C-alpha atoms as a PDB file:
ATOM      1  CA  MET A   1      -9.590   6.757  16.908  1.00  0.00           C
ATOM      2  CA  ILE A   2      -7.259   7.038  13.947  1.00  0.00           C
ATOM      3  CA  TYR A   3      -7.254   9.621  11.206  1.00  0.00           C
ATOM      4  CA  GLU A   4      -6.376   9.029   7.604  1.00  0.00           C
ATOM      5  CA  LEU A   5      -4.625  11.980   6.020  1.00  0.00           C
ATOM      6  CA  ARG A   6      -5.038  12.046   2.238  1.00  0.00           C
ATOM      7  CA  VAL A   7      -3.456  14.550  -0.141  1.00  0.00           C
ATOM      8  CA  TYR A   8      -4.571  14.611  -3.761  1.00  0.00           C
ATOM      9  CA  ARG A   9      -2.197  16.460  -6.070  1.00  0.00           C
ATOM     10  CA  THR A  10      -4.267  17.312  -9.118  1.00  0.00           C
ATOM     11  CA  LEU A  11      -3.079  17.798 -12.648  1.00  0.00           C
ATOM     12  CA  PRO A  12      -2.921  21.450 -13.787  1.00  0.00           C
ATOM     13  CA  GLY A  13      -6.382  22.986 -14.013  1.00  0.00           C
ATOM     14  CA  ARG A  14      -8.160  19.887 -12.659  1.00  0.00           C
ATOM     15  CA  LEU A  15      -8.689  20.860  -8.985  1.00  0.00           C
ATOM     16  CA  PRO A  16     -12.193  22.271  -9.726  1.00  0.00           C
ATOM     17  CA  ASN A  17     -13.178  18.880 -11.185  1.00  0.00           C
ATOM     18  CA  LEU A  18     -12.029  17.086  -8.025  1.00  0.00           C
ATOM     19  CA  LEU A  19     -13.817  19.545  -5.730  1.00  0.00           C
ATOM     20  CA  LYS A  20     -17.017  19.148  -7.763  1.00  0.00           C
ATOM     21  CA  ARG A  21     -16.795  15.344  -7.540  1.00  0.00           C
ATOM     22  CA  PHE A  22     -16.468  15.467  -3.744  1.00  0.00           C
ATOM     23  CA  ARG A  23     -19.182  18.113  -3.374  1.00  0.00           C
ATOM     24  CA  GLU A  24     -21.745  16.499  -5.678  1.00  0.00           C
ATOM     25  CA  HIS A  25     -21.069  12.767  -5.324  1.00  0.00           C
ATOM     26  CA  THR A  26     -18.365  11.418  -3.024  1.00  0.00           C
ATOM     27  CA  LEU A  27     -19.541  12.826   0.303  1.00  0.00           C
ATOM     28  CA  ARG A  28     -23.085  11.557  -0.213  1.00  0.00           C
ATOM     29  CA  ILE A  29     -21.770   8.090  -1.057  1.00  0.00           C
ATOM     30  CA  TRP A  30     -19.455   8.201   1.973  1.00  0.00           C
ATOM     31  CA  GLU A  31     -22.427   9.041   4.187  1.00  0.00           C
ATOM     32  CA  ARG A  32     -24.262   5.980   2.917  1.00  0.00           C
ATOM     33  CA  HIS A  33     -21.230   3.822   3.801  1.00  0.00           C
ATOM     34  CA  GLY A  34     -20.705   5.458   7.215  1.00  0.00           C
ATOM     35  CA  ILE A  35     -17.414   7.146   6.281  1.00  0.00           C
ATOM     36  CA  ARG A  36     -16.820  10.240   8.451  1.00  0.00           C
ATOM     37  CA  GLN A  37     -14.825  13.154   7.112  1.00  0.00           C
ATOM     38  CA  ALA A  38     -12.919  15.267   9.637  1.00  0.00           C
ATOM     39  CA  GLY A  39     -12.112  18.194   7.334  1.00  0.00           C
ATOM     40  CA  PHE A  40     -11.212  19.216   3.795  1.00  0.00           C
ATOM     41  CA  PHE A  41      -8.624  21.829   2.864  1.00  0.00           C
ATOM     42  CA  THR A  42      -7.144  23.473  -0.198  1.00  0.00           C
ATOM     43  CA  THR A  43      -3.655  24.966  -0.147  1.00  0.00           C
ATOM     44  CA  VAL A  44      -3.352  28.757   0.060  1.00  0.00           C
ATOM     45  CA  VAL A  45       0.415  28.884   0.612  1.00  0.00           C
ATOM     46  CA  GLY A  46       2.622  25.836   0.189  1.00  0.00           C
ATOM     47  CA  GLU A  47       4.242  23.514  -2.260  1.00  0.00           C
ATOM     48  CA  SER A  48       1.235  23.182  -4.554  1.00  0.00           C
ATOM     49  CA  ALA A  49      -1.980  25.157  -4.908  1.00  0.00           C
ATOM     50  CA  SER A  50      -3.313  22.143  -6.834  1.00  0.00           C
ATOM     51  CA  ASP A  51      -3.670  20.016  -3.690  1.00  0.00           C
ATOM     52  CA  LEU A  52      -6.779  18.865  -1.884  1.00  0.00           C
ATOM     53  CA  THR A  53      -5.981  17.661   1.641  1.00  0.00           C
ATOM     54  CA  TYR A  54      -8.504  15.930   3.862  1.00  0.00           C
ATOM     55  CA  LEU A  55      -8.898  13.789   6.961  1.00  0.00           C
ATOM     56  CA  VAL A  56     -11.156  10.794   7.494  1.00  0.00           C
ATOM     57  CA  ALA A  57     -11.946   9.564  11.028  1.00  0.00           C
ATOM     58  CA  TRP A  58     -11.882   5.815  11.668  1.00  0.00           C
ATOM     59  CA  GLU A  59     -12.539   3.808  14.822  1.00  0.00           C
ATOM     60  CA  SER A  60      -9.964   1.228  13.690  1.00  0.00           C
ATOM     61  CA  MET A  61      -8.032  -0.038  10.680  1.00  0.00           C
ATOM     62  CA  ALA A  62     -10.575  -2.865  10.439  1.00  0.00           C
ATOM     63  CA  GLU A  63     -13.409  -0.340  10.097  1.00  0.00           C
ATOM     64  CA  ARG A  64     -11.397   1.490   7.442  1.00  0.00           C
ATOM     65  CA  GLU A  65     -10.800  -1.699   5.467  1.00  0.00           C
ATOM     66  CA  THR A  66     -14.458  -2.713   5.512  1.00  0.00           C
ATOM     67  CA  LYS A  67     -15.964   0.668   4.693  1.00  0.00           C
ATOM     68  CA  TRP A  68     -13.317   1.827   2.201  1.00  0.00           C
ATOM     69  CA  THR A  69     -13.569  -1.458   0.275  1.00  0.00           C
ATOM     70  CA  ALA A  70     -17.367  -1.120   0.098  1.00  0.00           C
ATOM     71  CA  PHE A  71     -17.054   2.488  -1.074  1.00  0.00           C
ATOM     72  CA  GLN A  72     -14.479   1.656  -3.755  1.00  0.00           C
ATOM     73  CA  SER A  73     -16.742  -1.042  -5.213  1.00  0.00           C
ATOM     74  CA  ASP A  74     -19.958   1.028  -5.019  1.00  0.00           C
ATOM     75  CA  PRO A  75     -21.478   1.263  -8.535  1.00  0.00           C
ATOM     76  CA  GLU A  76     -22.535   4.889  -7.976  1.00  0.00           C
ATOM     77  CA  TRP A  77     -18.954   5.830  -7.008  1.00  0.00           C
ATOM     78  CA  ILE A  78     -17.495   3.979 -10.004  1.00  0.00           C
ATOM     79  CA  ALA A  79     -19.885   5.823 -12.346  1.00  0.00           C
ATOM     80  CA  ALA A  80     -19.242   9.233 -10.725  1.00  0.00           C
ATOM     81  CA  ARG A  81     -15.478   8.760 -10.951  1.00  0.00           C
ATOM     82  CA  ALA A  82     -15.678   7.662 -14.582  1.00  0.00           C
ATOM     83  CA  GLU A  83     -17.870  10.649 -15.481  1.00  0.00           C
ATOM     84  CA  SER A  84     -15.552  13.117 -13.705  1.00  0.00           C
ATOM     85  CA  GLU A  85     -12.555  11.695 -15.587  1.00  0.00           C
ATOM     86  CA  LYS A  86     -14.160  11.471 -19.033  1.00  0.00           C
ATOM     87  CA  ASP A  87     -11.836  14.266 -20.232  1.00  0.00           C
ATOM     88  CA  GLY A  88      -8.793  12.621 -18.654  1.00  0.00           C
ATOM     89  CA  PRO A  89      -7.355  11.905 -15.218  1.00  0.00           C
ATOM     90  CA  ILE A  90      -7.775  14.431 -12.405  1.00  0.00           C
ATOM     91  CA  ASN A  91      -4.988  13.411 -10.025  1.00  0.00           C
ATOM     92  CA  ALA A  92      -1.259  13.307 -10.614  1.00  0.00           C
ATOM     93  CA  ASN A  93      -0.837  11.330  -7.382  1.00  0.00           C
ATOM     94  CA  VAL A  94      -2.450  10.539  -4.046  1.00  0.00           C
ATOM     95  CA  MET A  95      -0.626  10.310  -0.714  1.00  0.00           C
ATOM     96  CA  ASN A  96      -2.111   8.899   2.447  1.00  0.00           C
ATOM     97  CA  ALA A  97      -0.938   8.366   6.020  1.00  0.00           C
ATOM     98  CA  PHE A  98      -2.621   7.050   9.149  1.00  0.00           C
ATOM     99  CA  LEU A  99      -2.373   9.231  12.245  1.00  0.00           C
ATOM    100  CA  THR A 100      -3.245   8.692  15.869  1.00  0.00           C
ATOM    101  CA  PRO A 101      -3.810  11.613  18.261  1.00  0.00           C
ATOM    102  CA  THR A 102      -1.326  12.235  21.055  1.00  0.00           C
ATOM    103  CA  ASP A 103      -2.518  12.335  24.662  1.00  0.00           C
ATOM    104  CA  PHE A 104      -2.354  16.153  24.536  1.00  0.00           C
ATOM    105  CA  SER A 105      -4.158  16.621  21.195  1.00  0.00           C
ATOM    106  CA  SER A 106      -7.338  18.700  21.096  1.00  0.00           C
ATOM    107  CA  VAL A 107      -8.596  16.143  18.551  1.00  0.00           C
ATOM    108  CA  LYS A 108      -9.160  12.694  20.057  1.00  0.00           C
END
């Protein structure tokens, strides 16, 4: 199992738009493509209160490539993203990293 850590730094005032997009569209589309979220978090104390941080669980990088590519080209996702950004971009930048649990991790 590997986990993809993604951090979306939103533009000022745009975090509610990103949260709405995930809540109302993205997660449902992910479910259809078999993408498994492992948690979503907003920042209470830290560098930026405009961040959305989340983890996605993958069996392998090959699974990630197949499912993420299908999601990115899904017409419903493309339309939802376009609609959520009709007043301008939401994210200033996106960071991602791939993590593997240690042998002593409570998450496997």
